[in-house]
Protein backbone atom coordinates (compact mmCIF):
# COMPACT_ATOMS: atom_id res chain seq x y z
CA MET A 1 -19.12 21.73 58.41
CA THR A 2 -15.32 21.98 57.07
CA ASP A 3 -14.17 20.02 54.14
CA THR A 4 -11.87 17.46 53.97
CA PHE A 5 -8.93 17.15 51.46
CA VAL A 6 -7.22 14.07 51.14
CA ILE A 7 -4.02 13.21 49.25
CA VAL A 8 -2.41 10.17 48.34
CA GLY A 9 1.15 10.57 48.38
CA GLY A 10 3.97 12.53 50.42
CA ASP A 11 6.78 14.21 48.08
CA ALA A 12 6.58 16.74 45.66
CA ALA A 13 3.12 17.01 44.02
CA GLY A 14 1.02 16.15 47.45
CA MET A 15 2.92 17.98 50.12
CA ALA A 16 3.00 21.39 47.51
CA ALA A 17 -0.64 20.59 47.36
CA ALA A 18 -0.98 20.31 51.06
CA SER A 19 0.97 23.52 51.78
CA LYS A 20 -0.92 25.89 49.19
CA ALA A 21 -4.17 24.31 50.44
CA ARG A 22 -3.11 25.45 54.26
CA ARG A 23 -1.93 28.74 53.31
CA GLU A 24 -5.45 29.54 51.35
CA ASP A 25 -7.83 27.97 53.94
CA SER A 26 -7.04 27.71 57.69
CA ASP A 27 -9.52 25.80 58.49
CA LEU A 28 -9.83 23.15 55.91
CA GLU A 29 -8.58 19.28 57.47
CA ILE A 30 -5.69 18.24 55.29
CA VAL A 31 -4.66 14.69 55.66
CA VAL A 32 -1.90 12.80 53.63
CA PHE A 33 -1.19 9.44 53.52
CA GLU A 34 2.41 8.24 52.32
CA LYS A 35 3.22 4.58 52.69
CA GLY A 36 6.72 5.49 53.46
CA GLU A 37 9.12 7.31 56.18
CA TRP A 38 10.42 10.16 53.93
CA VAL A 39 8.20 13.34 52.68
CA SER A 40 9.05 16.71 50.55
CA TYR A 41 12.14 15.09 49.35
CA GLY A 42 14.56 15.87 46.36
CA ALA A 43 15.22 12.36 44.83
CA CYS A 44 16.86 14.44 41.69
CA GLY A 45 19.53 14.75 44.34
CA LEU A 46 19.96 10.94 45.22
CA PRO A 47 22.90 10.75 42.61
CA TYR A 48 24.69 13.11 44.19
CA TYR A 49 24.40 11.92 47.42
CA VAL A 50 25.49 8.80 46.09
CA LYS A 51 28.30 10.41 44.87
CA GLY A 52 29.23 11.49 48.37
CA GLU A 53 28.81 15.31 47.42
CA ILE A 54 26.26 15.40 49.43
CA GLN A 55 26.55 14.29 52.75
CA SER A 56 23.67 13.52 54.94
CA LEU A 57 20.64 12.20 52.65
CA GLU A 58 18.66 14.06 55.66
CA ALA A 59 20.22 17.51 53.92
CA LEU A 60 17.52 16.10 50.46
CA VAL A 61 14.31 16.67 52.91
CA SER A 62 12.74 20.18 52.08
CA VAL A 63 10.35 19.87 55.39
CA THR A 64 9.89 17.16 57.52
CA PRO A 65 7.43 15.15 58.78
CA GLN A 66 7.64 17.02 62.13
CA GLU A 67 7.15 20.39 60.82
CA PHE A 68 4.26 19.57 58.18
CA ARG A 69 2.12 18.25 61.50
CA GLU A 70 3.30 20.97 64.09
CA GLU A 71 3.99 24.54 61.81
CA ARG A 72 1.48 23.57 59.04
CA ASP A 73 -1.21 21.60 60.79
CA ILE A 74 -1.28 18.72 58.24
CA ASP A 75 -2.17 15.39 59.84
CA LEU A 76 0.66 13.61 57.90
CA ARG A 77 0.01 9.81 58.15
CA THR A 78 3.58 8.18 57.06
CA GLY A 79 3.39 4.48 57.28
CA HIS A 80 0.39 4.41 55.65
CA GLU A 81 -0.50 3.14 52.44
CA VAL A 82 -3.97 3.37 50.56
CA VAL A 83 -5.09 0.32 48.88
CA ALA A 84 -8.68 1.28 47.77
CA ILE A 85 -10.68 4.22 46.71
CA ASP A 86 -14.68 4.46 46.30
CA PRO A 87 -15.32 7.44 44.11
CA ASP A 88 -19.05 7.18 44.63
CA GLU A 89 -18.65 6.80 48.41
CA ARG A 90 -15.77 9.49 48.38
CA THR A 91 -13.39 7.25 50.28
CA VAL A 92 -9.97 5.87 50.51
CA THR A 93 -8.76 2.99 52.26
CA ALA A 94 -5.48 2.75 53.88
CA GLU A 95 -3.64 -0.13 55.67
CA SER A 96 -0.44 0.36 58.54
CA ASP A 97 1.04 -1.63 61.40
CA ASP A 98 -1.85 -0.14 63.23
CA GLY A 99 -4.68 -1.22 61.02
CA ASP A 100 -7.17 -0.55 58.30
CA VAL A 101 -8.41 3.67 57.98
CA VAL A 102 -11.12 3.89 55.71
CA GLN A 103 -10.81 7.71 55.33
CA PRO A 104 -14.14 9.93 53.92
CA TYR A 105 -13.01 13.15 51.54
CA ASP A 106 -14.68 15.80 49.80
CA HIS A 107 -11.39 16.37 47.77
CA LEU A 108 -9.23 13.78 46.79
CA LEU A 109 -5.51 14.22 44.59
CA LEU A 110 -3.66 11.03 43.79
CA ALA A 111 0.14 12.05 44.31
CA THR A 112 1.43 8.51 43.84
CA GLY A 113 4.66 9.66 41.54
CA ALA A 114 6.54 6.93 39.68
CA GLU A 115 8.57 3.48 40.17
CA SER A 116 11.67 2.39 38.29
CA VAL A 117 11.04 0.33 35.42
CA VAL A 118 12.65 -3.62 36.04
CA PRO A 119 13.44 -4.66 32.76
CA PRO A 120 11.95 -7.92 31.93
CA ILE A 121 15.42 -10.30 31.98
CA GLY A 122 16.73 -12.79 33.80
CA GLY A 123 18.39 -11.79 37.03
CA VAL A 124 17.22 -8.54 38.15
CA ASP A 125 16.52 -10.18 41.82
CA LEU A 126 20.28 -11.02 41.99
CA GLU A 127 22.25 -9.20 45.47
CA GLY A 128 23.84 -6.70 43.86
CA VAL A 129 21.43 -5.19 41.67
CA TYR A 130 20.24 -1.84 42.42
CA THR A 131 17.62 0.87 41.25
CA LEU A 132 17.41 4.12 42.09
CA GLY A 133 13.90 5.77 42.80
CA SER A 134 13.42 6.29 46.40
CA MET A 135 15.32 7.43 49.41
CA SER A 136 16.03 4.31 50.70
CA ASP A 137 17.23 2.91 47.29
CA GLY A 138 20.06 6.12 47.51
CA LYS A 139 21.00 5.16 51.21
CA GLU A 140 21.72 1.08 49.95
CA LEU A 141 23.57 2.37 47.04
CA ARG A 142 25.43 4.94 49.17
CA GLU A 143 26.04 2.31 51.85
CA TYR A 144 27.73 0.41 49.00
CA VAL A 145 29.89 2.68 47.88
CA ALA A 146 31.44 3.02 51.16
CA ARG A 147 32.12 -0.38 51.67
CA ALA A 148 33.93 -0.35 48.45
CA ARG A 149 36.18 2.92 49.65
CA SER A 150 36.85 1.44 53.14
CA ASP A 151 36.73 5.60 53.58
CA GLU A 152 35.28 6.18 57.37
CA SER A 153 34.40 10.09 56.38
CA PHE A 154 32.23 8.58 53.29
CA GLN A 155 30.42 5.84 55.33
CA GLN A 156 27.14 5.95 57.24
CA PRO A 157 26.82 4.53 60.55
CA ASP A 158 25.30 1.54 58.98
CA ARG A 159 27.62 0.50 56.49
CA GLY A 160 26.73 -3.13 56.73
CA PRO A 161 29.24 -6.13 55.75
CA ALA A 162 32.56 -5.63 54.14
CA CYS A 163 32.95 -5.37 50.23
CA ARG A 164 33.75 -9.24 48.95
CA TYR A 165 36.38 -8.00 46.88
CA LEU A 166 38.78 -7.05 49.70
CA GLU A 167 41.47 -6.48 47.20
CA ASP A 168 39.01 -4.91 44.24
CA CYS A 169 36.15 -3.04 45.51
CA THR A 170 35.65 -0.16 43.53
CA GLY A 171 34.88 -2.13 40.36
CA PRO A 172 33.85 -3.51 38.07
CA VAL A 173 30.11 -2.19 37.73
CA ALA A 174 27.50 -1.93 35.45
CA VAL A 175 24.58 0.92 34.73
CA VAL A 176 21.92 -0.29 32.33
CA GLY A 177 20.51 2.80 30.41
CA GLY A 178 21.91 5.81 29.20
CA GLY A 179 19.36 8.33 30.18
CA TYR A 180 19.09 11.32 32.99
CA ILE A 181 19.66 8.21 35.92
CA GLY A 182 22.26 6.30 34.09
CA ILE A 183 24.51 9.30 33.07
CA GLU A 184 24.63 10.79 36.21
CA MET A 185 25.01 7.57 38.14
CA ALA A 186 27.84 6.93 35.88
CA GLU A 187 29.54 10.02 37.26
CA ALA A 188 28.57 9.23 40.52
CA LEU A 189 30.02 5.55 40.78
CA ALA A 190 33.24 6.67 38.03
CA ALA A 191 34.37 9.80 40.64
CA ASN A 192 34.30 6.83 43.35
CA ASP A 193 36.92 4.98 41.27
CA PHE A 194 34.52 2.33 40.05
CA GLU A 195 34.83 0.88 36.18
CA VAL A 196 32.11 1.83 34.99
CA HIS A 197 30.17 0.36 31.99
CA LEU A 198 27.34 1.75 30.67
CA PHE A 199 25.19 -0.36 27.96
CA GLN A 200 22.43 1.17 26.43
CA ARG A 201 20.09 -0.37 24.38
CA GLY A 202 19.78 2.36 21.56
CA ASP A 203 22.39 3.71 19.31
CA ARG A 204 22.88 6.51 21.52
CA VAL A 205 22.79 8.18 25.21
CA LEU A 206 20.12 10.48 26.29
CA LYS A 207 17.93 10.06 23.41
CA GLY A 208 15.69 12.54 24.23
CA PHE A 209 18.48 14.85 23.32
CA SER A 210 19.58 15.87 19.47
CA GLU A 211 22.34 13.81 18.40
CA ALA A 212 25.09 16.72 18.17
CA THR A 213 24.52 16.41 22.53
CA SER A 214 24.05 12.96 22.29
CA GLU A 215 27.50 12.70 20.84
CA ALA A 216 28.89 15.37 22.79
CA VAL A 217 28.26 13.58 26.31
CA ALA A 218 29.09 9.68 24.93
CA ALA A 219 32.43 11.16 23.64
CA HIS A 220 32.93 12.72 27.33
CA LEU A 221 31.75 10.18 28.85
CA ARG A 222 34.46 7.94 27.08
CA ASP A 223 37.57 10.66 27.96
CA GLN A 224 36.29 10.17 31.82
CA ASP A 225 36.83 5.92 31.09
CA VAL A 226 33.37 5.32 31.35
CA THR A 227 32.79 2.32 28.69
CA LEU A 228 29.98 2.44 26.50
CA TYR A 229 28.00 -0.27 25.10
CA LEU A 230 25.40 1.62 22.51
CA GLY A 231 23.05 -0.36 20.64
CA SER A 232 23.52 -3.09 22.91
CA GLU A 233 21.17 -4.86 24.91
CA VAL A 234 21.12 -6.62 27.92
CA ARG A 235 19.73 -9.84 27.85
CA GLU A 236 20.28 -11.26 31.14
CA LEU A 237 21.97 -10.37 34.71
CA ALA A 238 24.20 -13.28 35.37
CA GLY A 239 25.12 -14.57 38.26
CA SER A 240 28.24 -15.28 40.18
CA GLY A 241 28.01 -18.77 41.32
CA ALA A 242 25.90 -21.72 40.54
CA SER A 243 22.85 -20.38 42.22
CA ASP A 244 21.96 -18.41 39.31
CA ASP A 245 18.68 -19.02 38.61
CA SER A 246 16.77 -16.10 38.43
CA GLU A 247 15.02 -16.13 35.18
CA GLY A 248 11.80 -14.33 35.02
CA ARG A 249 11.35 -12.97 38.62
CA SER A 250 10.90 -8.94 39.77
CA PRO A 251 12.75 -7.72 42.46
CA SER A 252 10.49 -7.19 45.40
CA SER A 253 12.54 -4.72 46.86
CA ASN A 254 15.22 -2.28 45.64
CA ARG A 255 17.67 -5.50 46.00
CA THR A 256 16.90 -8.89 47.18
CA GLN A 257 18.99 -10.79 48.98
CA SER A 258 16.71 -14.43 49.16
CA ASP A 259 18.79 -17.60 49.93
CA ASP A 260 18.83 -18.52 46.62
CA ALA A 261 19.56 -15.68 44.87
CA GLY A 262 22.71 -15.44 44.71
CA GLU A 263 25.04 -12.20 43.39
CA VAL A 264 25.51 -10.77 40.12
CA GLY A 265 28.16 -11.50 38.63
CA ALA A 266 27.63 -10.90 34.72
CA VAL A 267 26.00 -8.48 32.23
CA VAL A 268 25.08 -10.53 29.52
CA THR A 269 24.36 -9.05 25.83
CA GLU A 270 23.98 -10.41 22.80
CA THR A 271 27.50 -10.65 21.78
CA GLU A 272 29.13 -10.65 25.15
CA ARG A 273 29.38 -11.23 29.00
CA VAL A 274 30.74 -8.54 30.56
CA PRO A 275 31.98 -9.58 34.76
CA VAL A 276 30.30 -6.89 36.65
CA ASP A 277 30.08 -6.99 41.18
CA MET A 278 27.03 -4.54 41.17
CA VAL A 279 24.25 -3.50 38.48
CA LEU A 280 22.52 -0.14 38.47
CA LEU A 281 19.11 -0.14 36.34
CA GLY A 282 18.58 3.22 35.09
CA THR A 283 15.78 1.98 32.49
CA GLY A 284 13.32 4.90 33.46
CA VAL A 285 10.43 5.19 35.32
CA ARG A 286 6.34 4.62 34.66
CA PRO A 287 3.69 6.57 36.68
CA ARG A 288 2.26 4.42 39.61
CA THR A 289 -1.39 3.82 38.49
CA ALA A 290 -2.81 0.73 39.85
CA LEU A 291 -4.68 2.65 42.44
CA ALA A 292 -6.22 5.19 39.94
CA GLU A 293 -7.13 2.28 37.67
CA ASN A 294 -8.62 -0.02 40.45
CA ALA A 295 -11.56 2.99 40.77
CA GLY A 296 -12.13 3.10 37.06
CA LEU A 297 -10.23 6.22 36.67
CA GLU A 298 -9.57 7.09 32.96
CA ILE A 299 -6.47 6.48 32.05
CA GLY A 300 -4.60 8.52 29.47
CA PRO A 301 -3.15 7.69 25.93
CA THR A 302 0.74 7.92 27.44
CA GLY A 303 -0.15 5.96 30.08
CA ALA A 304 0.17 8.26 33.47
CA ILE A 305 -3.76 9.46 34.77
CA ALA A 306 -5.60 11.54 32.24
CA THR A 307 -6.85 14.79 33.53
CA ASP A 308 -8.23 18.44 32.42
CA ALA A 309 -6.47 21.54 32.64
CA TYR A 310 -7.00 21.76 35.96
CA ARG A 311 -5.89 18.37 37.08
CA GLU A 312 -8.97 17.08 37.87
CA THR A 313 -9.11 13.13 36.61
CA SER A 314 -12.81 11.81 34.91
CA ALA A 315 -14.24 11.27 38.83
CA PRO A 316 -15.57 14.56 40.73
CA ASP A 317 -13.24 16.13 43.29
CA VAL A 318 -10.68 13.21 42.23
CA TYR A 319 -7.23 15.36 41.03
CA ALA A 320 -4.03 13.55 39.95
CA ALA A 321 -0.85 15.50 39.75
CA GLY A 322 3.22 15.04 39.35
CA ASP A 323 4.97 11.89 37.81
CA CYS A 324 1.53 9.61 38.25
CA ALA A 325 -0.39 12.37 36.15
CA GLU A 326 -0.42 13.52 31.93
CA ALA A 327 0.39 17.32 31.17
CA THR A 328 -0.16 19.21 28.16
CA HIS A 329 2.44 19.78 25.73
CA VAL A 330 2.99 23.69 25.06
CA VAL A 331 4.17 22.77 21.54
CA THR A 332 1.40 20.34 20.52
CA GLY A 333 -1.16 20.66 22.41
CA GLU A 334 -1.39 17.35 23.44
CA PRO A 335 -1.38 14.85 26.63
CA THR A 336 1.96 14.14 27.40
CA TYR A 337 4.00 12.47 29.94
CA ALA A 338 6.60 14.80 32.31
CA PRO A 339 7.45 13.21 34.78
CA LEU A 340 9.85 16.12 36.53
CA ALA A 341 10.26 18.02 39.57
CA LEU A 342 8.94 21.60 38.79
CA THR A 343 5.89 20.25 36.83
CA ALA A 344 5.08 18.45 39.91
CA ASN A 345 5.09 21.41 42.30
CA ARG A 346 3.07 23.78 40.11
CA HIS A 347 0.83 21.04 39.12
CA GLY A 348 0.37 20.48 42.91
CA ARG A 349 0.28 24.02 44.25
CA ALA A 350 -2.47 24.70 41.82
CA VAL A 351 -4.42 21.63 42.64
CA GLY A 352 -4.00 23.11 46.54
CA GLN A 353 -5.66 26.58 45.46
CA THR A 354 -8.53 25.06 43.82
CA VAL A 355 -9.69 23.00 46.22
CA THR A 356 -10.05 26.38 48.45
CA GLY A 357 -11.79 28.17 46.02
CA THR A 358 -9.27 29.50 43.31
CA PRO A 359 -9.74 27.21 40.55
CA SER A 360 -5.80 27.25 38.87
CA GLU A 361 -4.11 25.36 36.17
CA GLY A 362 -0.82 24.97 36.55
CA GLY A 363 0.15 25.61 33.22
CA GLY A 364 1.68 23.26 30.06
CA VAL A 365 5.04 21.52 30.18
CA ALA A 366 7.72 21.63 27.11
CA GLY A 367 9.49 18.75 28.65
CA THR A 368 12.27 20.99 29.93
CA ALA A 369 15.08 19.08 31.41
CA ALA A 370 18.83 19.25 32.17
CA VAL A 371 21.76 16.47 32.92
CA LYS A 372 25.47 17.28 34.26
CA ALA A 373 27.83 14.70 32.79
CA PHE A 374 31.56 14.48 34.25
CA ASP A 375 32.34 18.53 33.27
CA VAL A 376 29.69 18.58 30.46
CA GLU A 377 26.31 20.43 30.62
CA ALA A 378 23.37 19.44 28.37
CA ALA A 379 19.55 20.53 28.04
CA ARG A 380 16.89 20.26 26.02
CA THR A 381 12.99 21.71 25.63
CA GLY A 382 10.58 21.34 23.15
CA ILE A 383 10.09 19.02 20.32
CA ILE A 384 13.37 17.64 18.75
CA ASP A 385 13.11 14.48 17.34
CA PRO A 386 11.73 14.87 13.33
CA ASP A 387 9.34 12.22 13.65
CA GLU A 388 7.91 13.20 16.72
CA ALA A 389 7.18 16.72 15.20
CA ARG A 390 5.83 15.25 12.52
CA LYS A 391 3.59 13.18 14.24
CA ALA A 392 2.17 16.34 15.83
CA GLY A 393 1.65 17.90 12.30
CA PHE A 394 4.58 19.78 11.98
CA ASP A 395 7.67 19.84 9.19
CA PRO A 396 10.57 19.81 11.22
CA VAL A 397 13.57 21.69 10.16
CA SER A 398 16.61 21.89 12.59
CA GLU A 399 20.34 23.77 12.47
CA THR A 400 23.10 23.01 14.83
CA ILE A 401 25.87 25.67 15.63
CA THR A 402 28.79 26.14 17.36
CA ALA A 403 29.76 28.92 19.26
CA LYS A 404 31.69 31.06 22.17
CA SER A 405 29.84 31.13 25.88
CA ARG A 406 31.92 34.11 26.63
CA ALA A 407 33.42 37.13 24.87
CA GLY A 408 36.52 35.98 22.14
CA TYR A 409 38.88 38.28 24.26
CA TYR A 410 37.68 37.20 27.62
CA PRO A 411 40.41 34.69 29.53
CA GLU A 412 37.73 32.17 30.09
CA GLY A 413 35.19 30.81 28.17
CA GLY A 414 34.19 27.51 25.76
CA ASP A 415 31.68 26.44 23.15
CA VAL A 416 28.26 25.97 23.36
CA THR A 417 26.54 23.83 20.85
CA VAL A 418 22.84 24.88 19.97
CA THR A 419 20.56 22.35 17.70
CA LEU A 420 17.42 24.61 17.43
CA THR A 421 14.03 23.40 15.72
CA ALA A 422 11.25 24.84 13.56
CA ASP A 423 8.35 24.11 11.50
CA ARG A 424 9.23 25.10 7.81
CA ASP A 425 5.98 26.48 6.95
CA SER A 426 5.02 28.86 10.28
CA GLY A 427 8.61 29.54 11.90
CA ARG A 428 7.42 28.69 14.77
CA VAL A 429 10.01 27.25 16.90
CA LEU A 430 9.75 23.54 18.37
CA GLY A 431 12.20 22.70 20.45
CA ALA A 432 16.12 23.06 21.05
CA SER A 433 19.16 21.06 22.18
CA LEU A 434 22.40 22.82 24.00
CA VAL A 435 25.66 21.33 25.36
CA SER A 436 28.45 22.78 26.73
CA GLU A 437 31.50 22.82 29.13
CA TYR A 438 29.69 22.81 32.83
CA GLY A 439 29.18 26.35 33.89
CA GLU A 440 29.07 27.61 30.40
CA GLY A 441 25.57 28.13 29.93
CA ALA A 442 24.26 25.46 28.07
CA VAL A 443 21.40 24.73 30.46
CA HIS A 444 20.88 28.29 31.29
CA ARG A 445 20.68 29.36 27.64
CA SER A 446 17.80 26.91 26.92
CA HIS A 447 15.26 28.88 29.17
CA ALA A 448 15.42 31.54 26.50
CA VAL A 449 13.88 29.03 23.68
CA VAL A 450 11.20 27.81 26.41
CA GLY A 451 10.02 30.96 26.66
CA ALA A 452 10.06 31.33 22.64
CA LEU A 453 7.83 27.78 23.21
CA GLU A 454 5.44 29.32 25.74
CA ALA A 455 4.97 32.26 23.43
CA GLY A 456 4.07 30.16 20.22
CA ALA A 457 7.18 32.41 18.73
CA THR A 458 8.81 32.14 15.59
CA VAL A 459 12.48 31.75 14.58
CA PHE A 460 12.12 35.53 13.10
CA GLU A 461 11.26 36.59 16.43
CA LEU A 462 13.64 34.75 18.76
CA GLU A 463 16.84 35.76 16.87
CA ASN A 464 15.56 39.45 18.15
CA TYR A 465 15.19 38.28 21.47
CA ASP A 466 16.74 41.00 23.56
CA LEU A 467 19.26 38.71 25.92
CA ALA A 468 21.74 39.81 28.22
CA TYR A 469 25.42 40.88 26.85
CA ALA A 470 28.29 41.47 28.84
CA PRO A 471 32.24 39.73 28.36
CA PRO A 472 32.08 37.59 31.74
CA PHE A 473 28.83 36.09 30.88
CA ASN A 474 27.95 36.38 27.27
CA THR A 475 29.32 37.03 23.31
CA THR A 476 27.06 39.43 22.08
CA TRP A 477 25.52 37.36 20.21
CA ASP A 478 24.33 35.12 22.47
CA PRO A 479 24.61 30.98 20.65
CA VAL A 480 20.78 30.70 20.89
CA LEU A 481 20.29 33.94 18.94
CA VAL A 482 23.05 32.87 16.47
CA ALA A 483 21.08 29.51 16.19
CA ALA A 484 17.77 31.42 15.62
CA LYS A 485 19.46 33.52 12.54
CA VAL A 486 20.96 30.12 11.22
CA LEU A 487 18.01 28.91 10.99
CA GLY A 488 16.11 31.64 10.21
CA GLY A 489 18.38 31.84 7.44
CA GLU A 490 17.51 28.57 6.40
CA LEU A 491 13.52 29.16 6.36
CA ARG A 492 13.43 32.48 4.12
């Protein structure tokens, strides 16, 4: 009898698993439940869609639902929300407009992803308060920008009502959060002539990067007329009129437009009140684990679903992958939470292989990530924060260098700043943070450090890596090699 592979969630991890399982087993019954209408889309591209660099929302879709159904023979059921899992009976229950469905499974993958974190403050349900965690979120934000610009080439067909401030439609707006989404959306909005105010609770943007990287990005944001409020915790989003009575409520959707909510009018911190027309909440994401918790599955120390190396959960034949699940950090060997696209695709693909008879781990993660801020690019990988390194049992030492991106005599180029961290006792490379002008290679140079992390290499080994050199691309001594030499000298 043919086995049934059921998948909950139709984005990166879920559809990677479904596609790989189909390639490996043409007879396997594959059923995917997705509560929304979109599947297999690039959420990371949403800020660039809002900005206007990507003109069509459909361009972010890798494979359409029709292609999955007709070309890959996958039973994809959009508009179906899974509300319960029974590991003992091996069934999932899904709700749709056509009624409930109880679906048996032999193998089950939870790929429920992550959701935007909404801070517990008043005013988050005011009209004009947005998050960016889904395609519908991106569509709403694009429509907001289009209305403000009154630009026919930019607008979508369902552009909505006119901007309420006809004489000043492009600002001011607020971005709450100085992480990836916050930085990318600050660029997207400023590029469309909005007056952007960015609020960050901590004392620097991009907390997961080095101080040198954070300072370089912050300086560039200011150069682009983004007003930064560092060490500034938002206490409330105030309404523009007397109808602001939203204390303690949470939004039921991306932008609630209830009769009594009113419109957002200001961001309130401990020390000031900043008038704004719109607020984008970019305060991070958290794993969607409710289904797993209700089914009695183990939740790990990071708050995501715990799995073994093969992504199997505490229930037999139930797997979890992507932004809802933990992964293993290549430096510490401990569970970590890394809600990143490549991790989701790798681990989903590995589950697809496993359920079809070839057990596959999918690999660990180093937390490698990159971000573009106007004309600056930054990357990070591994462990950079000294407190985190000490907690993992290391004695961290770091060095920061700035070196040329290309040969000095070449007519183009710029600087690359590298912060490299290693363990004092063993010399093992722990992580790095890099920043440069856009196009000058900070991101691509981080890949050499990733290789060192995966290999457990020392800084002395890294400084002898045979990296490519030609004047248009590099100096003889790549900035990563320079950083390794300097740090190696400190350790010697």
